[in-house]
């Protein structure tokens, strides 16, 4: 029997137990888990140092190491996120709609857990805590499949979460880590539709595409973040520089960082040099279209693949466009439906951008870096969904629920048979 064959049925049984818990029990559980995460700080950080050492030995780049690292501050933030999820309004048992039919049947649409969630993710060990907290708060069990590079950290975090479950007299099988290094374990998860209700991939484009293409289990797709900031002709120069720098530089290794800047031509003639000054002072390497390179020799010539690249480092592409229509067309061709921003003081341009661009999250005069469950007040997030069915954008508690229809009658029958 494989690891998935053992753990998936156990997760199903645990999900049944969790579905009967009260809101107060689930709140208490998350507070218990947050406490254990802090109690186990030394053990968790030691495990993370082992993973970081192996990643450095393997030649991983700075962006990868940043996603992998758990330090004192980040662990405290993880515990805070778990606590904040505990304090959110109960997502279960809510009557979303109710009505009475002419035949007297009373119908209610009520929110309920999905059941068993499988999450397949790369590097980012914080996902272990975030997804576990959201799953447990919504009465779901979860099977975690992290990358080999974070195995020690994920083991330590899962052990802490399971101790919190035990301390709360709930089955530790509600959160389980698939530890096998074999790729076949991921394939097994994708085929375990008997036990798993939904699978969520979180990582690079290659992983996400593989899961979407091959999974027999329903998938909530989280997308890569080729995010754009469009600076319109009516953009305030200082505001535009501030937002562009923040979107690119504040944390370039994450999916909501901007990768391409689209700059309206007349604005570029007046302010492009200052924008490049600001970006270059933060170490950003720029690759631009032919017009951009003719205006500023500090910009390297871009190749076509630059427009679709999620750099995840201090590299950005710049393209000069004629107007908001061309900016929207560029985003439509190269964007990943994640997060897109327009900087303008013109409400008509803003409205056109909001109506035209197809993405999970659109910004006006703000950085794309806010596409995040915590920043949106969701406590934490499972990921950023770039699809359109069931969930879109930062996925919080509601994204991990489904519905039941509860129908009450007083003897109604469909047929006219004699009984």
Protein backbone atom coordinates (compact mmCIF):
# COMPACT_ATOMS: atom_id res chain seq x y z
CA UNK A 1 0.00 0.00 0.00
CA UNK A 2 1.41 3.40 -0.98
CA UNK A 3 1.55 6.47 1.22
CA UNK A 4 -1.34 8.09 -0.67
CA UNK A 5 -3.41 4.90 -0.42
CA UNK A 6 -2.93 4.97 3.37
CA UNK A 7 -3.37 8.67 4.02
CA UNK A 8 -6.18 9.63 1.64
CA UNK A 9 -8.84 7.34 3.21
CA UNK A 10 -7.74 8.49 6.65
CA UNK A 11 -8.23 12.08 5.52
CA UNK A 12 -11.74 11.22 4.36
CA UNK A 13 -12.62 9.82 7.79
CA UNK A 14 -11.11 12.87 9.49
CA UNK A 15 -13.14 15.17 7.25
CA UNK A 16 -16.35 13.50 8.40
CA UNK A 17 -15.38 14.17 12.02
CA UNK A 18 -14.44 17.78 11.24
CA UNK A 19 -17.75 18.44 9.48
CA UNK A 20 -19.57 17.88 12.77
CA UNK A 21 -17.45 20.31 14.82
CA UNK A 22 -18.83 23.59 16.10
CA UNK A 23 -17.53 27.01 15.18
CA UNK A 24 -16.07 27.36 18.68
CA UNK A 25 -14.23 24.04 18.39
CA UNK A 26 -12.63 25.10 15.12
CA UNK A 27 -11.65 28.48 16.55
CA UNK A 28 -10.09 26.84 19.60
CA UNK A 29 -8.24 24.41 17.32
CA UNK A 30 -6.57 27.18 15.35
CA UNK A 31 -5.56 29.01 18.51
CA UNK A 32 -4.01 25.77 19.73
CA UNK A 33 -2.10 25.32 16.46
CA UNK A 34 -0.79 28.91 16.57
CA UNK A 35 0.50 28.30 20.09
CA UNK A 36 2.29 25.09 19.09
CA UNK A 37 3.90 26.78 16.07
CA UNK A 38 5.50 29.29 18.41
CA UNK A 39 6.43 26.65 20.97
CA UNK A 40 8.17 24.65 18.24
CA UNK A 41 10.03 27.67 16.85
CA UNK A 42 13.53 26.31 17.46
CA UNK A 43 12.71 22.97 15.85
CA UNK A 44 10.97 24.55 12.83
CA UNK A 45 13.76 27.06 12.17
CA UNK A 46 16.42 24.34 12.47
CA UNK A 47 14.54 22.24 9.91
CA UNK A 48 14.31 25.24 7.59
CA UNK A 49 18.06 25.87 7.84
CA UNK A 50 18.64 22.30 6.65
CA UNK A 51 16.45 22.94 3.60
CA UNK A 52 18.12 26.28 2.88
CA UNK A 53 21.58 24.69 3.08
CA UNK A 54 20.56 22.02 0.57
CA UNK A 55 19.02 24.62 -1.73
CA UNK A 56 22.15 26.75 -1.66
CA UNK A 57 24.27 23.68 -2.37
CA UNK A 58 22.03 22.95 -5.37
CA UNK A 59 22.66 26.46 -6.71
CA UNK A 60 19.15 27.83 -6.26
CA UNK A 61 18.81 31.57 -6.96
CA UNK A 62 18.02 34.29 -4.43
CA UNK A 63 14.33 34.44 -5.34
CA UNK A 64 13.93 30.72 -4.69
CA UNK A 65 15.78 30.95 -1.37
CA UNK A 66 13.57 33.86 -0.33
CA UNK A 67 10.42 31.83 -0.98
CA UNK A 68 11.88 28.90 0.96
CA UNK A 69 13.09 30.77 4.03
CA UNK A 70 11.28 30.77 7.38
CA UNK A 71 12.84 33.10 9.96
CA UNK A 72 11.70 34.40 13.35
CA UNK A 73 9.56 37.12 11.83
CA UNK A 74 7.98 34.92 9.19
CA UNK A 75 7.15 32.20 11.71
CA UNK A 76 5.53 34.79 13.97
CA UNK A 77 3.58 36.03 10.95
CA UNK A 78 2.47 32.44 10.22
CA UNK A 79 1.16 32.04 13.75
CA UNK A 80 -0.58 35.43 13.50
CA UNK A 81 -2.19 34.38 10.23
CA UNK A 82 -3.52 31.19 11.82
CA UNK A 83 -4.93 33.23 14.69
CA UNK A 84 -6.51 35.74 12.32
CA UNK A 85 -8.24 32.91 10.43
CA UNK A 86 -9.63 31.68 13.76
CA UNK A 87 -11.17 35.10 14.37
CA UNK A 88 -12.97 35.30 11.03
CA UNK A 89 -16.71 34.80 10.81
CA UNK A 90 -17.84 31.18 10.65
CA UNK A 91 -18.14 30.25 6.96
CA UNK A 92 -20.21 27.12 7.56
CA UNK A 93 -23.93 26.63 8.08
CA UNK A 94 -24.81 29.99 6.56
CA UNK A 95 -28.12 30.14 4.73
CA UNK A 96 -27.18 31.72 1.42
CA UNK A 97 -30.72 31.68 -0.01
CA UNK A 98 -34.11 30.40 1.10
CA UNK A 99 -37.52 30.24 -0.51
CA UNK A 100 -40.82 28.34 -0.42
CA UNK A 101 -42.28 26.71 -3.51
CA UNK A 102 -46.00 26.86 -4.43
CA UNK A 103 -46.31 23.21 -3.33
CA UNK A 104 -45.19 24.15 0.18
CA UNK A 105 -41.60 22.80 0.00
CA UNK A 106 -39.20 24.99 1.99
CA UNK A 107 -35.73 25.14 0.40
CA UNK A 108 -32.50 26.47 1.89
CA UNK A 109 -29.06 26.74 0.27
CA UNK A 110 -26.50 26.27 3.06
CA UNK A 111 -22.68 26.50 3.05
CA UNK A 112 -20.82 23.27 3.93
CA UNK A 113 -17.21 21.96 3.73
CA UNK A 114 -15.76 20.66 0.47
CA UNK A 115 -14.47 17.53 2.26
CA UNK A 116 -10.86 16.56 1.46
CA UNK A 117 -8.54 19.07 -0.17
CA UNK A 118 -5.18 18.14 -1.70
CA UNK A 119 -2.60 20.90 -2.18
CA UNK A 120 0.47 20.45 -4.37
CA UNK A 121 2.98 23.27 -4.00
CA UNK A 122 6.62 24.23 -4.55
CA UNK A 123 9.16 25.75 -2.14
CA UNK A 124 6.99 28.12 -0.02
CA UNK A 125 6.60 26.20 3.26
CA UNK A 126 4.32 28.95 4.59
CA UNK A 127 1.65 27.36 2.37
CA UNK A 128 1.62 24.39 4.76
CA UNK A 129 0.34 26.55 7.61
CA UNK A 130 -1.89 28.83 5.52
CA UNK A 131 -3.77 26.06 3.73
CA UNK A 132 -4.06 23.95 6.88
CA UNK A 133 -5.57 26.85 8.82
CA UNK A 134 -8.09 27.68 6.10
CA UNK A 135 -9.00 24.03 5.56
CA UNK A 136 -9.55 23.32 9.24
CA UNK A 137 -11.53 26.52 9.78
CA UNK A 138 -13.89 25.38 7.02
CA UNK A 139 -14.19 21.83 8.38
CA UNK A 140 -12.05 20.25 5.65
CA UNK A 141 -9.22 17.74 5.87
CA UNK A 142 -6.11 18.42 3.80
CA UNK A 143 -3.37 16.38 2.15
CA UNK A 144 -0.21 18.40 1.59
CA UNK A 145 2.31 17.66 -1.13
CA UNK A 146 5.22 20.09 -0.85
CA UNK A 147 8.41 20.10 -2.87
CA UNK A 148 11.41 17.96 -1.97
CA UNK A 149 13.44 21.12 -1.32
CA UNK A 150 11.22 22.06 1.67
CA UNK A 151 10.69 18.57 3.09
CA UNK A 152 12.31 19.17 6.49
CA UNK A 153 10.42 22.42 7.07
CA UNK A 154 7.13 20.92 5.94
CA UNK A 155 7.59 17.92 8.24
CA UNK A 156 8.24 20.20 11.21
CA UNK A 157 5.25 22.44 10.44
CA UNK A 158 2.92 19.48 9.88
CA UNK A 159 4.03 17.86 13.13
CA UNK A 160 3.24 21.09 14.99
CA UNK A 161 -0.20 21.32 13.36
CA UNK A 162 -0.93 17.69 14.19
CA UNK A 163 0.04 18.31 17.82
CA UNK A 164 -2.49 21.15 17.88
CA UNK A 165 -5.12 18.74 16.54
CA UNK A 166 -4.26 16.18 19.24
CA UNK A 167 -4.39 18.87 21.94
CA UNK A 168 -7.90 19.69 20.70
CA UNK A 169 -9.02 16.03 20.70
CA UNK A 170 -9.44 16.01 16.93
CA UNK A 171 -7.94 13.47 14.50
CA UNK A 172 -4.39 14.34 13.46
CA UNK A 173 -5.18 12.75 10.08
CA UNK A 174 -7.07 15.97 9.29
CA UNK A 175 -3.70 17.40 8.17
CA UNK A 176 -1.21 15.04 6.55
CA UNK A 177 1.96 15.54 4.56
CA UNK A 178 2.78 13.28 1.64
CA UNK A 179 6.49 12.77 2.32
CA UNK A 180 7.47 10.43 -0.51
CA UNK A 181 10.11 11.97 -2.81
CA UNK A 182 8.75 10.02 -5.77
CA UNK A 183 6.89 11.93 -8.47
CA UNK A 184 4.42 9.07 -8.60
CA UNK A 185 2.96 10.32 -5.31
CA UNK A 186 1.74 13.48 -7.05
CA UNK A 187 0.25 11.38 -9.84
CA UNK A 188 -1.56 9.25 -7.23
CA UNK A 189 -3.07 12.36 -5.67
CA UNK A 190 -4.31 13.48 -9.08
CA UNK A 191 -6.00 10.11 -9.58
CA UNK A 192 -7.49 9.69 -6.08
CA UNK A 193 -10.96 11.03 -6.94
CA UNK A 194 -12.53 8.43 -4.63
CA UNK A 195 -11.02 10.18 -1.61
CA UNK A 196 -10.15 13.73 -2.67
CA UNK A 197 -12.75 16.37 -3.53
CA UNK A 198 -10.55 19.12 -4.95
CA UNK A 199 -6.88 19.59 -5.81
CA UNK A 200 -5.11 22.97 -5.66
CA UNK A 201 -1.69 23.41 -7.31
CA UNK A 202 0.44 26.33 -6.18
CA UNK A 203 3.78 26.95 -7.81
CA UNK A 204 5.36 27.53 -11.18
CA UNK A 205 3.70 27.45 -14.57
CA UNK A 206 4.99 23.95 -15.35
CA UNK A 207 3.52 22.43 -12.18
CA UNK A 208 0.17 24.16 -12.58
CA UNK A 209 -0.19 23.17 -16.23
CA UNK A 210 0.68 19.55 -15.44
CA UNK A 211 -1.96 19.32 -12.71
CA UNK A 212 -4.66 21.02 -14.80
CA UNK A 213 -3.87 18.75 -17.74
CA UNK A 214 -3.58 15.40 -15.95
CA UNK A 215 -5.70 15.49 -12.78
CA UNK A 216 -8.79 13.29 -12.47
CA UNK A 217 -9.69 15.27 -9.34
CA UNK A 218 -11.41 18.66 -9.87
CA UNK A 219 -8.79 21.45 -9.85
CA UNK A 220 -8.89 25.04 -8.65
CA UNK A 221 -6.23 26.61 -10.82
CA UNK A 222 -3.81 29.11 -9.33
CA UNK A 223 -1.86 30.95 -12.00
CA UNK A 224 1.59 32.35 -12.54
CA UNK A 225 1.83 36.10 -12.08
CA UNK A 226 2.94 37.97 -15.19
CA UNK A 227 1.55 41.20 -13.75
CA UNK A 228 1.56 44.62 -15.44
CA UNK A 229 1.51 48.25 -14.35
CA UNK A 230 0.20 50.62 -17.03
CA UNK A 231 1.19 54.27 -16.63
CA UNK A 232 -1.38 56.36 -18.48
CA UNK A 233 -0.80 59.77 -20.11
CA UNK A 234 -2.71 61.36 -17.19
CA UNK A 235 -0.72 59.63 -14.45
CA UNK A 236 0.81 61.73 -11.69
CA UNK A 237 4.57 61.33 -12.18
CA UNK A 238 5.54 60.95 -8.54
CA UNK A 239 2.67 58.55 -7.81
CA UNK A 240 3.52 56.45 -10.87
CA UNK A 241 7.19 56.11 -9.88
CA UNK A 242 6.25 55.20 -6.33
CA UNK A 243 3.79 52.49 -7.36
CA UNK A 244 6.00 51.07 -10.12
CA UNK A 245 8.94 50.71 -7.76
CA UNK A 246 6.83 49.12 -5.03
CA UNK A 247 5.16 46.68 -7.43
CA UNK A 248 8.53 45.54 -8.79
CA UNK A 249 10.92 45.88 -5.85
CA UNK A 250 9.09 45.41 -2.54
CA UNK A 251 9.30 41.61 -2.85
CA UNK A 252 10.15 40.60 -6.41
CA UNK A 253 10.07 36.83 -5.79
CA UNK A 254 6.29 36.60 -5.36
CA UNK A 255 3.50 36.13 -7.90
CA UNK A 256 1.87 39.55 -7.40
CA UNK A 257 5.05 41.50 -8.17
CA UNK A 258 4.94 43.45 -11.44
CA UNK A 259 7.00 42.03 -14.31
CA UNK A 260 6.14 44.50 -17.11
CA UNK A 261 5.65 48.26 -17.12
CA UNK A 262 3.51 49.68 -19.94
CA UNK A 263 4.11 53.41 -20.39
CA UNK A 264 2.03 55.79 -22.52
CA UNK A 265 4.22 57.50 -25.12
CA UNK A 266 3.69 61.18 -24.17
CA UNK A 267 4.21 60.39 -20.47
CA UNK A 268 7.39 58.51 -21.37
CA UNK A 269 8.81 61.50 -23.26
CA UNK A 270 8.55 63.63 -20.13
CA UNK A 271 9.14 61.19 -17.27
CA UNK A 272 10.70 57.93 -18.46
CA UNK A 273 14.23 58.90 -17.41
CA UNK A 274 13.09 59.63 -13.86
CA UNK A 275 11.20 56.34 -13.72
CA UNK A 276 14.30 54.45 -14.84
CA UNK A 277 16.38 56.39 -12.29
CA UNK A 278 14.08 55.20 -9.52
CA UNK A 279 14.06 51.56 -10.66
CA UNK A 280 17.80 51.44 -11.31
CA UNK A 281 18.56 52.85 -7.86
CA UNK A 282 16.93 49.69 -6.48
CA UNK A 283 19.00 47.41 -8.69
CA UNK A 284 16.34 46.67 -11.30
CA UNK A 285 17.61 45.50 -14.70
CA UNK A 286 15.35 46.72 -17.50
CA UNK A 287 14.56 45.19 -20.88
CA UNK A 288 12.57 47.34 -23.25
CA UNK A 289 10.96 47.65 -26.63
CA UNK A 290 12.76 49.48 -29.46
CA UNK A 291 11.18 52.81 -28.52
CA UNK A 292 12.24 52.44 -24.88
CA UNK A 293 15.86 51.65 -25.77
CA UNK A 294 16.00 54.64 -28.12
CA UNK A 295 14.87 56.92 -25.27
CA UNK A 296 17.24 55.54 -22.64
CA UNK A 297 20.45 53.61 -23.25
CA UNK A 298 20.32 52.02 -19.79
CA UNK A 299 17.58 49.69 -21.06
CA UNK A 300 18.57 46.44 -22.77
CA UNK A 301 16.71 45.32 -25.88
CA UNK A 302 13.81 43.01 -25.02
CA UNK A 303 13.15 39.76 -26.83
CA UNK A 304 9.62 38.50 -27.46
CA UNK A 305 9.85 36.02 -24.57
CA UNK A 306 10.39 38.91 -22.14
CA UNK A 307 6.74 39.90 -22.50
CA UNK A 308 5.60 36.52 -21.14
CA UNK A 309 8.32 35.94 -18.53
CA UNK A 310 7.56 35.82 -14.80
CA UNK A 311 11.03 36.95 -13.72
CA UNK A 312 10.55 36.70 -9.94
CA UNK A 313 13.69 38.78 -9.50
CA UNK A 314 14.92 42.35 -10.02
CA UNK A 315 14.31 42.32 -13.76
CA UNK A 316 11.44 44.11 -15.50
CA UNK A 317 10.30 44.70 -19.06
CA UNK A 318 9.18 48.12 -20.34
CA UNK A 319 7.03 48.77 -23.39
CA UNK A 320 5.95 52.16 -24.73
CA UNK A 321 2.29 52.13 -25.85
CA UNK A 322 0.16 54.74 -27.58
CA UNK A 323 -2.85 54.64 -25.29
CA UNK A 324 -4.91 52.61 -22.83
CA UNK A 325 -6.36 50.53 -25.69
CA UNK A 326 -2.89 49.28 -26.69
CA UNK A 327 -2.04 48.62 -23.04
CA UNK A 328 -5.17 46.49 -22.64
CA UNK A 329 -4.40 44.60 -25.85
CA UNK A 330 -0.86 43.84 -24.65
CA UNK A 331 -2.17 42.56 -21.31
CA UNK A 332 -4.78 40.46 -23.10
CA UNK A 333 -2.05 38.80 -25.16
CA UNK A 334 0.65 38.30 -22.52
CA UNK A 335 -1.05 38.51 -19.11
CA UNK A 336 -1.86 35.54 -16.88
CA UNK A 337 -5.18 36.90 -15.51
CA UNK A 338 -3.59 37.52 -12.11
CA UNK A 339 -3.18 41.21 -11.13
CA UNK A 340 -3.02 44.30 -13.34
CA UNK A 341 -2.78 48.01 -12.45
CA UNK A 342 -3.48 51.33 -14.14
CA UNK A 343 -1.99 54.60 -12.88
CA UNK A 344 -4.06 57.57 -14.04
CA UNK A 345 -6.01 60.60 -12.90
CA UNK A 346 -8.43 60.11 -15.79
CA UNK A 347 -11.62 58.31 -14.65
CA UNK A 348 -12.56 57.38 -18.22
CA UNK A 349 -9.23 55.61 -18.76
CA UNK A 350 -9.63 53.83 -15.44
CA UNK A 351 -13.15 52.70 -16.29
CA UNK A 352 -12.07 51.43 -19.71
CA UNK A 353 -9.18 49.50 -18.14
CA UNK A 354 -11.46 47.96 -15.50
CA UNK A 355 -14.05 46.96 -18.10
CA UNK A 356 -11.59 45.58 -20.66
CA UNK A 357 -8.84 43.77 -18.78
CA UNK A 358 -9.63 40.16 -17.85
CA UNK A 359 -7.82 39.36 -14.60
CA UNK A 360 -8.70 38.23 -11.10
CA UNK A 361 -7.72 41.59 -9.57
CA UNK A 362 -7.46 45.07 -11.07
CA UNK A 363 -5.93 48.13 -9.38
CA UNK A 364 -6.28 51.86 -9.89
CA UNK A 365 -3.45 53.96 -8.45
CA UNK A 366 -2.21 51.14 -6.20
CA UNK A 367 0.48 48.48 -6.24
CA UNK A 368 -0.26 44.94 -7.42
CA UNK A 369 1.47 43.69 -4.27
CA UNK A 370 -1.83 43.74 -2.37
CA UNK A 371 -3.30 40.69 -4.12
CA UNK A 372 -3.07 38.54 -1.04
CA UNK A 373 -5.52 36.87 1.32
CA UNK A 374 -4.16 38.63 4.41
CA UNK A 375 -4.16 42.05 2.71
CA UNK A 376 -7.75 41.49 1.55
CA UNK A 377 -8.84 40.71 5.12
CA UNK A 378 -9.26 36.98 4.44
CA UNK A 379 -6.81 35.97 7.20
CA UNK A 380 -4.66 33.90 4.85
CA UNK A 381 -5.01 32.39 1.41
CA UNK A 382 -4.89 29.06 -0.35
CA UNK A 383 -3.57 30.80 -3.44
CA UNK A 384 -4.61 33.27 -6.13
CA UNK A 385 -7.14 31.67 -8.45
CA UNK A 386 -6.91 32.86 -12.05
CA UNK A 387 -9.81 30.77 -13.28
CA UNK A 388 -13.47 31.83 -13.37
CA UNK A 389 -15.38 28.88 -11.90
CA UNK A 390 -16.18 28.65 -8.18
CA UNK A 391 -13.32 30.84 -6.92
CA UNK A 392 -11.31 33.74 -8.35
CA UNK A 393 -8.59 35.95 -6.89
CA UNK A 394 -7.24 35.43 -3.35
CA UNK A 395 -8.92 32.28 -2.04
CA UNK A 396 -10.01 32.48 1.56
CA UNK A 397 -12.59 30.59 3.60
CA UNK A 398 -15.52 30.86 1.17
CA UNK A 399 -13.43 29.30 -1.61
CA UNK A 400 -13.15 26.11 0.47
CA UNK A 401 -16.89 25.67 0.94
CA UNK A 402 -19.65 24.33 -1.24
CA UNK A 403 -23.41 24.15 -0.71
CA UNK A 404 -26.16 21.75 0.24
CA UNK A 405 -29.84 22.26 -0.47
CA UNK A 406 -31.95 21.44 2.58
CA UNK A 407 -35.59 20.80 1.65
CA UNK A 408 -38.37 20.48 4.22
CA UNK A 409 -41.89 19.33 3.46
CA UNK A 410 -45.07 17.96 4.99
CA UNK A 411 -45.86 14.98 2.81
CA UNK A 412 -45.38 16.36 -0.72
CA UNK A 413 -45.05 13.67 -3.42
CA UNK A 414 -44.25 14.16 -7.09
CA UNK A 415 -46.59 11.58 -8.55
CA UNK A 416 -50.32 10.86 -8.28
CA UNK A 417 -49.95 7.16 -7.53
CA UNK A 418 -52.07 5.48 -4.86
CA UNK A 419 -49.88 4.47 -1.93
